[in-house]
Amino acid sequence: MMAAYAAAESGHAVTLLEQNEKLGKKLFITGKGRCNLTNASDMEQLFANVVSNRKFLYSAFYSYDNEQVISFFESHGMPTKTERGNRVFPVSDHSSDVIAALSTALRGQHVEVLLHTKVKRLLLEKRDEEKRVTGVELADHTKMHADAVIVATGGISYPSTGATGDGYRMAEESGHKMVSPTPALVPMEMKEPWVRDLQGLSLRNVRTSSPAPGAPSPAVRWWARWAGSSTSWRFCTEPTRRQPPSSQSSR
């Protein structure tokens, strides 16, 4: 949506192809439905928290920084607020307002939006020993030609939102060398049955660790116990040679 807006703002005639029944399906569920849309920290602090290859992001971050992101949404009718950790959210706490602001921006730039329109593949032509993208072929075999195509499919982390990895396939078909994707920010599956009792519990500032493949298990035992006199769980760590205290019922 943002790419379509930027292209249209630059004077191009833009058509946005969306395979879902509505725009922003993945945005709708981000941030527990609140949509943490950017971070208000200064650039140096943002870069300090990039784990690897931060130089790759220099151009993007400095070309359109977080202040411009906030200004964009507020200028399209969505006031923002900054919370702990400089995280920026809609004042309403509704991710739907983020989608509404983007939709308003698209209408303002006269972007044509086609829903229920799945792209099957990129149309490629070989020119001067290179492959050039000339358009797309839809799932119904309709061919749409264009001077330029922006592929903004997302990753493969949440297939029910439409993120099924089509972008990886299209990039590979275009001649790009692909690196196998690995999971990030995904749920952990636990074998211990007591974990089920924690469903619905949200915690702050929690850290856990896992040994690398082939490495010895860490000499730490994790467990949770119910504090009988309160309504909270207490998470404890002890060396594996010790047993959890018996003064409270443990799970």
C-alpha atoms as a PDB file:
ATOM      1  CA  MET A   1       0.000   0.000   0.000  1.00  0.00           C
ATOM      2  CA  MET A   2       2.779   2.407   0.869  1.00  0.00           C
ATOM      3  CA  ALA A   3       4.711   1.501  -2.287  1.00  0.00           C
ATOM      4  CA  ALA A   4       1.621   2.131  -4.422  1.00  0.00           C
ATOM      5  CA  TYR A   5       1.083   5.498  -2.736  1.00  0.00           C
ATOM      6  CA  ALA A   6       4.718   6.550  -3.224  1.00  0.00           C
ATOM      7  CA  ALA A   7       4.684   5.551  -6.903  1.00  0.00           C
ATOM      8  CA  ALA A   8       1.440   7.433  -7.531  1.00  0.00           C
ATOM      9  CA  GLU A   9       2.691  10.493  -5.650  1.00  0.00           C
ATOM     10  CA  SER A  10       5.673  10.512  -8.032  1.00  0.00           C
ATOM     11  CA  GLY A  11       3.288  10.916 -10.951  1.00  0.00           C
ATOM     12  CA  HIS A  12       2.787   7.334 -12.122  1.00  0.00           C
ATOM     13  CA  ALA A  13      -0.529   5.668 -12.962  1.00  0.00           C
ATOM     14  CA  VAL A  14      -0.711   2.832 -10.408  1.00  0.00           C
ATOM     15  CA  THR A  15      -2.825  -0.301 -10.078  1.00  0.00           C
ATOM     16  CA  LEU A  16      -2.623  -2.235  -6.817  1.00  0.00           C
ATOM     17  CA  LEU A  17      -3.361  -5.978  -7.105  1.00  0.00           C
ATOM     18  CA  GLU A  18      -4.563  -7.599  -3.864  1.00  0.00           C
ATOM     19  CA  GLN A  19      -5.381 -11.302  -3.677  1.00  0.00           C
ATOM     20  CA  ASN A  20      -7.394 -10.982  -0.461  1.00  0.00           C
ATOM     21  CA  GLU A  21     -10.915  -9.653  -0.032  1.00  0.00           C
ATOM     22  CA  LYS A  22      -9.595  -6.481   1.635  1.00  0.00           C
ATOM     23  CA  LEU A  23      -6.412  -4.467   1.983  1.00  0.00           C
ATOM     24  CA  GLY A  24      -4.063  -4.716   4.947  1.00  0.00           C
ATOM     25  CA  LYS A  25      -5.086  -8.132   6.228  1.00  0.00           C
ATOM     26  CA  LYS A  26      -1.735  -8.722   7.906  1.00  0.00           C
ATOM     27  CA  LEU A  27      -1.569  -5.175   9.247  1.00  0.00           C
ATOM     28  CA  PHE A  28      -4.887  -5.803  10.965  1.00  0.00           C
ATOM     29  CA  ILE A  29      -3.417  -8.434  13.316  1.00  0.00           C
ATOM     30  CA  THR A  30      -0.059  -6.788  14.054  1.00  0.00           C
ATOM     31  CA  GLY A  31       0.749  -5.535  17.528  1.00  0.00           C
ATOM     32  CA  LYS A  32      -2.118  -7.546  19.030  1.00  0.00           C
ATOM     33  CA  GLY A  33      -4.498  -5.607  16.837  1.00  0.00           C
ATOM     34  CA  ARG A  34      -2.980  -2.218  17.734  1.00  0.00           C
ATOM     35  CA  CYS A  35      -0.278  -2.009  15.015  1.00  0.00           C
ATOM     36  CA  ASN A  36       3.054  -0.677  16.285  1.00  0.00           C
ATOM     37  CA  LEU A  37       3.713   1.332  13.115  1.00  0.00           C
ATOM     38  CA  THR A  38       7.187   2.719  13.875  1.00  0.00           C
ATOM     39  CA  ASN A  39       9.605   3.645  16.673  1.00  0.00           C
ATOM     40  CA  ALA A  40      10.281   7.236  17.757  1.00  0.00           C
ATOM     41  CA  SER A  41      13.927   6.685  18.794  1.00  0.00           C
ATOM     42  CA  ASP A  42      16.667   8.601  16.985  1.00  0.00           C
ATOM     43  CA  MET A  43      18.362   6.991  14.000  1.00  0.00           C
ATOM     44  CA  GLU A  44      21.523   5.996  15.846  1.00  0.00           C
ATOM     45  CA  GLN A  45      19.534   4.150  18.498  1.00  0.00           C
ATOM     46  CA  LEU A  46      17.495   2.374  15.838  1.00  0.00           C
ATOM     47  CA  PHE A  47      20.621   1.239  14.021  1.00  0.00           C
ATOM     48  CA  ALA A  48      22.188   0.090  17.304  1.00  0.00           C
ATOM     49  CA  ASN A  49      19.333  -2.406  17.650  1.00  0.00           C
ATOM     50  CA  VAL A  50      19.749  -3.906  14.182  1.00  0.00           C
ATOM     51  CA  VAL A  51      21.366  -7.295  14.742  1.00  0.00           C
ATOM     52  CA  SER A  52      23.237  -7.656  11.456  1.00  0.00           C
ATOM     53  CA  ASN A  53      24.073  -5.735   8.280  1.00  0.00           C
ATOM     54  CA  ARG A  54      22.698  -2.408   9.504  1.00  0.00           C
ATOM     55  CA  LYS A  55      24.375  -0.582   6.611  1.00  0.00           C
ATOM     56  CA  PHE A  56      21.855  -2.229   4.287  1.00  0.00           C
ATOM     57  CA  LEU A  57      19.129  -0.114   5.940  1.00  0.00           C
ATOM     58  CA  TYR A  58      20.923   3.252   5.867  1.00  0.00           C
ATOM     59  CA  SER A  59      19.448   4.374   2.554  1.00  0.00           C
ATOM     60  CA  ALA A  60      15.871   3.372   3.447  1.00  0.00           C
ATOM     61  CA  PHE A  61      15.948   4.802   6.973  1.00  0.00           C
ATOM     62  CA  TYR A  62      17.448   8.136   5.975  1.00  0.00           C
ATOM     63  CA  SER A  63      15.331   8.499   2.808  1.00  0.00           C
ATOM     64  CA  TYR A  64      12.094   8.128   4.756  1.00  0.00           C
ATOM     65  CA  ASP A  65      12.653   8.259   8.493  1.00  0.00           C
ATOM     66  CA  ASN A  66      10.368   7.580  11.437  1.00  0.00           C
ATOM     67  CA  GLU A  67       9.355  11.240  11.796  1.00  0.00           C
ATOM     68  CA  GLN A  68       8.120  11.228   8.212  1.00  0.00           C
ATOM     69  CA  VAL A  69       6.187   8.010   8.876  1.00  0.00           C
ATOM     70  CA  ILE A  70       4.432   9.596  11.853  1.00  0.00           C
ATOM     71  CA  SER A  71       3.737  12.767   9.865  1.00  0.00           C
ATOM     72  CA  PHE A  72       2.297  10.729   6.996  1.00  0.00           C
ATOM     73  CA  PHE A  73      -0.270   8.960   9.156  1.00  0.00           C
ATOM     74  CA  GLU A  74      -1.242  12.054  11.103  1.00  0.00           C
ATOM     75  CA  SER A  75      -1.719  14.013   7.868  1.00  0.00           C
ATOM     76  CA  HIS A  76      -4.121  11.309   6.711  1.00  0.00           C
ATOM     77  CA  GLY A  77      -6.354  11.527   9.730  1.00  0.00           C
ATOM     78  CA  MET A  78      -4.730   9.121  12.188  1.00  0.00           C
ATOM     79  CA  PRO A  79      -3.256  10.686  15.347  1.00  0.00           C
ATOM     80  CA  THR A  80      -0.461   8.711  17.011  1.00  0.00           C
ATOM     81  CA  LYS A  81       0.930   8.188  20.509  1.00  0.00           C
ATOM     82  CA  THR A  82       4.318   7.025  21.800  1.00  0.00           C
ATOM     83  CA  GLU A  83       4.519   4.367  24.500  1.00  0.00           C
ATOM     84  CA  ARG A  84       7.213   2.497  26.447  1.00  0.00           C
ATOM     85  CA  GLY A  85      10.304   1.834  24.374  1.00  0.00           C
ATOM     86  CA  ASN A  86       9.360   4.688  22.015  1.00  0.00           C
ATOM     87  CA  ARG A  87       6.880   2.440  20.213  1.00  0.00           C
ATOM     88  CA  VAL A  88       4.366   4.403  18.153  1.00  0.00           C
ATOM     89  CA  PHE A  89       0.688   3.336  17.989  1.00  0.00           C
ATOM     90  CA  PRO A  90      -2.578   4.840  16.768  1.00  0.00           C
ATOM     91  CA  VAL A  91      -4.223   6.859  19.542  1.00  0.00           C
ATOM     92  CA  SER A  92      -7.288   4.667  19.066  1.00  0.00           C
ATOM     93  CA  ASP A  93      -5.280   1.439  19.631  1.00  0.00           C
ATOM     94  CA  HIS A  94      -6.967   0.061  16.509  1.00  0.00           C
ATOM     95  CA  SER A  95      -4.874  -1.277  13.636  1.00  0.00           C
ATOM     96  CA  SER A  96      -7.887  -0.736  11.379  1.00  0.00           C
ATOM     97  CA  ASP A  97      -7.173   3.009  11.615  1.00  0.00           C
ATOM     98  CA  VAL A  98      -3.718   2.421  10.102  1.00  0.00           C
ATOM     99  CA  ILE A  99      -5.337   0.609   7.186  1.00  0.00           C
ATOM    100  CA  ALA A 100      -7.943   3.363   6.849  1.00  0.00           C
ATOM    101  CA  ALA A 101      -5.228   6.043   6.683  1.00  0.00           C
ATOM    102  CA  LEU A 102      -3.359   4.124   3.989  1.00  0.00           C
ATOM    103  CA  SER A 103      -6.592   3.609   2.051  1.00  0.00           C
ATOM    104  CA  THR A 104      -7.323   7.329   2.264  1.00  0.00           C
ATOM    105  CA  ALA A 105      -3.843   8.066   0.913  1.00  0.00           C
ATOM    106  CA  LEU A 106      -4.386   5.666  -2.004  1.00  0.00           C
ATOM    107  CA  ARG A 107      -7.692   7.281  -2.923  1.00  0.00           C
ATOM    108  CA  GLY A 108      -6.104  10.708  -2.757  1.00  0.00           C
ATOM    109  CA  GLN A 109      -3.540   9.630  -5.356  1.00  0.00           C
ATOM    110  CA  HIS A 110      -6.180   7.900  -7.515  1.00  0.00           C
ATOM    111  CA  VAL A 111      -4.620   4.440  -7.165  1.00  0.00           C
ATOM    112  CA  GLU A 112      -6.788   1.741  -8.737  1.00  0.00           C
ATOM    113  CA  VAL A 113      -7.257  -1.131  -6.260  1.00  0.00           C
ATOM    114  CA  LEU A 114      -8.277  -4.582  -7.524  1.00  0.00           C
ATOM    115  CA  LEU A 115      -9.290  -7.020  -4.772  1.00  0.00           C
ATOM    116  CA  HIS A 116      -9.570 -10.809  -5.183  1.00  0.00           C
ATOM    117  CA  THR A 117      -6.822 -10.519  -7.797  1.00  0.00           C
ATOM    118  CA  LYS A 118      -4.042 -13.052  -7.414  1.00  0.00           C
ATOM    119  CA  VAL A 119      -0.845 -12.752  -9.438  1.00  0.00           C
ATOM    120  CA  LYS A 120       0.347 -16.052 -10.847  1.00  0.00           C
ATOM    121  CA  ARG A 121       3.711 -14.977 -12.246  1.00  0.00           C
ATOM    122  CA  LEU A 122       5.767 -12.098 -13.578  1.00  0.00           C
ATOM    123  CA  LEU A 123       5.933 -11.518 -17.311  1.00  0.00           C
ATOM    124  CA  LEU A 124       9.582 -11.544 -18.366  1.00  0.00           C
ATOM    125  CA  GLU A 125      11.355 -10.603 -21.569  1.00  0.00           C
ATOM    126  CA  LYS A 126      15.013 -11.013 -22.388  1.00  0.00           C
ATOM    127  CA  ARG A 127      16.563  -7.721 -23.467  1.00  0.00           C
ATOM    128  CA  ASP A 128      20.280  -7.102 -23.898  1.00  0.00           C
ATOM    129  CA  GLU A 129      21.095 -10.445 -22.259  1.00  0.00           C
ATOM    130  CA  GLU A 130      19.021  -9.511 -19.191  1.00  0.00           C
ATOM    131  CA  LYS A 131      15.551 -10.443 -18.036  1.00  0.00           C
ATOM    132  CA  ARG A 132      13.169  -7.485 -17.833  1.00  0.00           C
ATOM    133  CA  VAL A 133       9.795  -7.493 -16.098  1.00  0.00           C
ATOM    134  CA  THR A 134       7.058  -6.288 -18.448  1.00  0.00           C
ATOM    135  CA  GLY A 135       3.952  -7.043 -16.395  1.00  0.00           C
ATOM    136  CA  VAL A 136       2.120  -9.838 -14.590  1.00  0.00           C
ATOM    137  CA  GLU A 137      -0.098 -12.795 -15.375  1.00  0.00           C
ATOM    138  CA  LEU A 138      -3.073 -13.280 -13.061  1.00  0.00           C
ATOM    139  CA  ALA A 139      -4.466 -16.547 -11.740  1.00  0.00           C
ATOM    140  CA  ASP A 140      -7.229 -16.393 -14.370  1.00  0.00           C
ATOM    141  CA  HIS A 141      -4.490 -16.099 -17.072  1.00  0.00           C
ATOM    142  CA  THR A 142      -5.218 -12.431 -17.728  1.00  0.00           C
ATOM    143  CA  LYS A 143      -2.031 -10.584 -18.657  1.00  0.00           C
ATOM    144  CA  MET A 144      -1.445  -7.034 -17.461  1.00  0.00           C
ATOM    145  CA  HIS A 145       1.466  -5.138 -18.981  1.00  0.00           C
ATOM    146  CA  ALA A 146       3.275  -2.345 -17.185  1.00  0.00           C
ATOM    147  CA  ASP A 147       6.387  -0.191 -17.394  1.00  0.00           C
ATOM    148  CA  ALA A 148       7.341  -1.289 -13.879  1.00  0.00           C
ATOM    149  CA  VAL A 149       6.185  -3.855 -11.322  1.00  0.00           C
ATOM    150  CA  ILE A 150       6.665  -3.633  -7.542  1.00  0.00           C
ATOM    151  CA  VAL A 151       6.520  -7.021  -5.823  1.00  0.00           C
ATOM    152  CA  ALA A 152       5.354  -6.473  -2.229  1.00  0.00           C
ATOM    153  CA  THR A 153       4.082  -9.872  -1.185  1.00  0.00           C
ATOM    154  CA  GLY A 154       5.542 -10.116   2.296  1.00  0.00           C
ATOM    155  CA  GLY A 155       7.226 -13.270   3.572  1.00  0.00           C
ATOM    156  CA  ILE A 156       5.853 -16.712   4.350  1.00  0.00           C
ATOM    157  CA  SER A 157       5.148 -16.403   8.073  1.00  0.00           C
ATOM    158  CA  TYR A 158       1.330 -16.168   8.097  1.00  0.00           C
ATOM    159  CA  PRO A 159      -0.236 -17.976   5.107  1.00  0.00           C
ATOM    160  CA  SER A 160      -3.821 -17.220   6.164  1.00  0.00           C
ATOM    161  CA  THR A 161      -3.148 -13.518   5.502  1.00  0.00           C
ATOM    162  CA  GLY A 162      -1.896 -14.263   2.002  1.00  0.00           C
ATOM    163  CA  ALA A 163       1.799 -14.436   2.913  1.00  0.00           C
ATOM    164  CA  THR A 164       2.441 -17.729   1.113  1.00  0.00           C
ATOM    165  CA  GLY A 165       5.935 -17.084  -0.211  1.00  0.00           C
ATOM    166  CA  ASP A 166       4.950 -16.128  -3.774  1.00  0.00           C
ATOM    167  CA  GLY A 167       7.479 -13.305  -3.715  1.00  0.00           C
ATOM    168  CA  TYR A 168      10.356 -15.727  -3.178  1.00  0.00           C
ATOM    169  CA  ARG A 169       9.228 -17.833  -6.124  1.00  0.00           C
ATOM    170  CA  MET A 170       8.829 -14.805  -8.385  1.00  0.00           C
ATOM    171  CA  ALA A 171      12.271 -13.496  -7.454  1.00  0.00           C
ATOM    172  CA  GLU A 172      13.852 -16.855  -8.178  1.00  0.00           C
ATOM    173  CA  GLU A 173      12.070 -17.136 -11.520  1.00  0.00           C
ATOM    174  CA  SER A 174      13.443 -13.704 -12.376  1.00  0.00           C
ATOM    175  CA  GLY A 175      16.994 -14.926 -11.872  1.00  0.00           C
ATOM    176  CA  HIS A 176      17.703 -13.866  -8.320  1.00  0.00           C
ATOM    177  CA  LYS A 177      19.652 -16.182  -6.060  1.00  0.00           C
ATOM    178  CA  MET A 178      17.548 -17.056  -3.035  1.00  0.00           C
ATOM    179  CA  VAL A 179      18.642 -17.804   0.521  1.00  0.00           C
ATOM    180  CA  SER A 180      16.400 -20.309   2.299  1.00  0.00           C
ATOM    181  CA  PRO A 181      14.140 -18.365   4.691  1.00  0.00           C
ATOM    182  CA  THR A 182      14.236 -19.183   8.396  1.00  0.00           C
ATOM    183  CA  PRO A 183      11.515 -18.499  10.997  1.00  0.00           C
ATOM    184  CA  ALA A 184      11.577 -15.357  13.136  1.00  0.00           C
ATOM    185  CA  LEU A 185       9.124 -14.011  15.723  1.00  0.00           C
ATOM    186  CA  VAL A 186       7.179 -17.252  15.784  1.00  0.00           C
ATOM    187  CA  PRO A 187       5.563 -19.206  18.658  1.00  0.00           C
ATOM    188  CA  MET A 188       7.551 -21.764  20.624  1.00  0.00           C
ATOM    189  CA  GLU A 189       6.083 -25.225  21.086  1.00  0.00           C
ATOM    190  CA  MET A 190       6.673 -26.655  24.563  1.00  0.00           C
ATOM    191  CA  LYS A 191       6.450 -30.302  25.566  1.00  0.00           C
ATOM    192  CA  GLU A 192       5.633 -29.568  29.232  1.00  0.00           C
ATOM    193  CA  PRO A 193       1.864 -29.793  29.901  1.00  0.00           C
ATOM    194  CA  TRP A 194       1.819 -26.969  32.494  1.00  0.00           C
ATOM    195  CA  VAL A 195       2.364 -24.414  29.724  1.00  0.00           C
ATOM    196  CA  ARG A 196      -1.311 -24.765  28.783  1.00  0.00           C
ATOM    197  CA  ASP A 197      -2.230 -23.167  32.114  1.00  0.00           C
ATOM    198  CA  LEU A 198      -0.484 -19.963  31.029  1.00  0.00           C
ATOM    199  CA  GLN A 199      -2.725 -19.317  28.036  1.00  0.00           C
ATOM    200  CA  GLY A 200      -3.830 -15.701  27.874  1.00  0.00           C
ATOM    201  CA  LEU A 201      -1.049 -14.462  30.174  1.00  0.00           C
ATOM    202  CA  SER A 202       1.046 -11.519  28.924  1.00  0.00           C
ATOM    203  CA  LEU A 203       4.438 -10.729  30.462  1.00  0.00           C
ATOM    204  CA  ARG A 204       6.918  -7.882  30.094  1.00  0.00           C
ATOM    205  CA  ASN A 205      10.713  -8.018  29.950  1.00  0.00           C
ATOM    206  CA  VAL A 206      10.914 -11.799  29.705  1.00  0.00           C
ATOM    207  CA  ARG A 207      14.005 -13.535  28.363  1.00  0.00           C
ATOM    208  CA  THR A 208      14.643 -17.175  27.515  1.00  0.00           C
ATOM    209  CA  SER A 209      17.411 -19.052  25.735  1.00  0.00           C
ATOM    210  CA  SER A 210      17.875 -22.192  23.717  1.00  0.00           C
ATOM    211  CA  PRO A 211      21.092 -24.102  22.961  1.00  0.00           C
ATOM    212  CA  ALA A 212      22.380 -24.148  19.412  1.00  0.00           C
ATOM    213  CA  PRO A 213      22.016 -27.480  17.551  1.00  0.00           C
ATOM    214  CA  GLY A 214      24.575 -29.917  18.921  1.00  0.00           C
ATOM    215  CA  ALA A 215      25.439 -27.772  21.935  1.00  0.00           C
ATOM    216  CA  PRO A 216      24.988 -29.110  25.486  1.00  0.00           C
ATOM    217  CA  SER A 217      21.781 -28.181  27.252  1.00  0.00           C
ATOM    218  CA  PRO A 218      22.083 -25.102  29.480  1.00  0.00           C
ATOM    219  CA  ALA A 219      22.474 -25.918  33.165  1.00  0.00           C
ATOM    220  CA  VAL A 220      19.324 -24.070  34.084  1.00  0.00           C
ATOM    221  CA  ARG A 221      15.878 -25.390  34.918  1.00  0.00           C
ATOM    222  CA  TRP A 222      12.851 -23.226  34.181  1.00  0.00           C
ATOM    223  CA  TRP A 223       9.529 -23.598  35.921  1.00  0.00           C
ATOM    224  CA  ALA A 224       6.547 -21.531  36.893  1.00  0.00           C
ATOM    225  CA  ARG A 225       4.758 -21.646  40.204  1.00  0.00           C
ATOM    226  CA  TRP A 226       1.492 -20.229  41.260  1.00  0.00           C
ATOM    227  CA  ALA A 227       1.756 -17.709  44.051  1.00  0.00           C
ATOM    228  CA  GLY A 228      -1.127 -18.868  46.208  1.00  0.00           C
ATOM    229  CA  SER A 229      -1.579 -15.547  47.973  1.00  0.00           C
ATOM    230  CA  SER A 230      -1.718 -13.531  44.752  1.00  0.00           C
ATOM    231  CA  THR A 231      -3.024 -13.778  41.227  1.00  0.00           C
ATOM    232  CA  SER A 232       0.236 -13.948  39.334  1.00  0.00           C
ATOM    233  CA  TRP A 233       2.693 -16.529  38.129  1.00  0.00           C
ATOM    234  CA  ARG A 234       6.284 -16.468  39.347  1.00  0.00           C
ATOM    235  CA  PHE A 235       8.932 -17.641  36.943  1.00  0.00           C
ATOM    236  CA  CYS A 236      12.042 -19.117  38.538  1.00  0.00           C
ATOM    237  CA  THR A 237      15.436 -20.382  37.410  1.00  0.00           C
ATOM    238  CA  GLU A 238      17.695 -22.725  39.319  1.00  0.00           C
ATOM    239  CA  PRO A 239      20.687 -24.959  38.480  1.00  0.00           C
ATOM    240  CA  THR A 240      19.475 -28.312  37.185  1.00  0.00           C
ATOM    241  CA  ARG A 241      20.872 -30.206  40.201  1.00  0.00           C
ATOM    242  CA  ARG A 242      18.302 -28.529  42.441  1.00  0.00           C
ATOM    243  CA  GLN A 243      14.590 -29.243  42.624  1.00  0.00           C
ATOM    244  CA  PRO A 244      11.855 -26.599  42.620  1.00  0.00           C
ATOM    245  CA  PRO A 245      10.901 -25.486  46.168  1.00  0.00           C
ATOM    246  CA  SER A 246       8.042 -27.430  47.696  1.00  0.00           C
ATOM    247  CA  SER A 247       6.557 -24.575  49.717  1.00  0.00           C
ATOM    248  CA  GLN A 248       4.296 -23.677  46.792  1.00  0.00           C
ATOM    249  CA  SER A 249       2.470 -25.986  44.442  1.00  0.00           C
ATOM    250  CA  SER A 250       4.478 -26.111  41.238  1.00  0.00           C
ATOM    251  CA  ARG A 251       3.359 -26.768  37.731  1.00  0.00           C
END
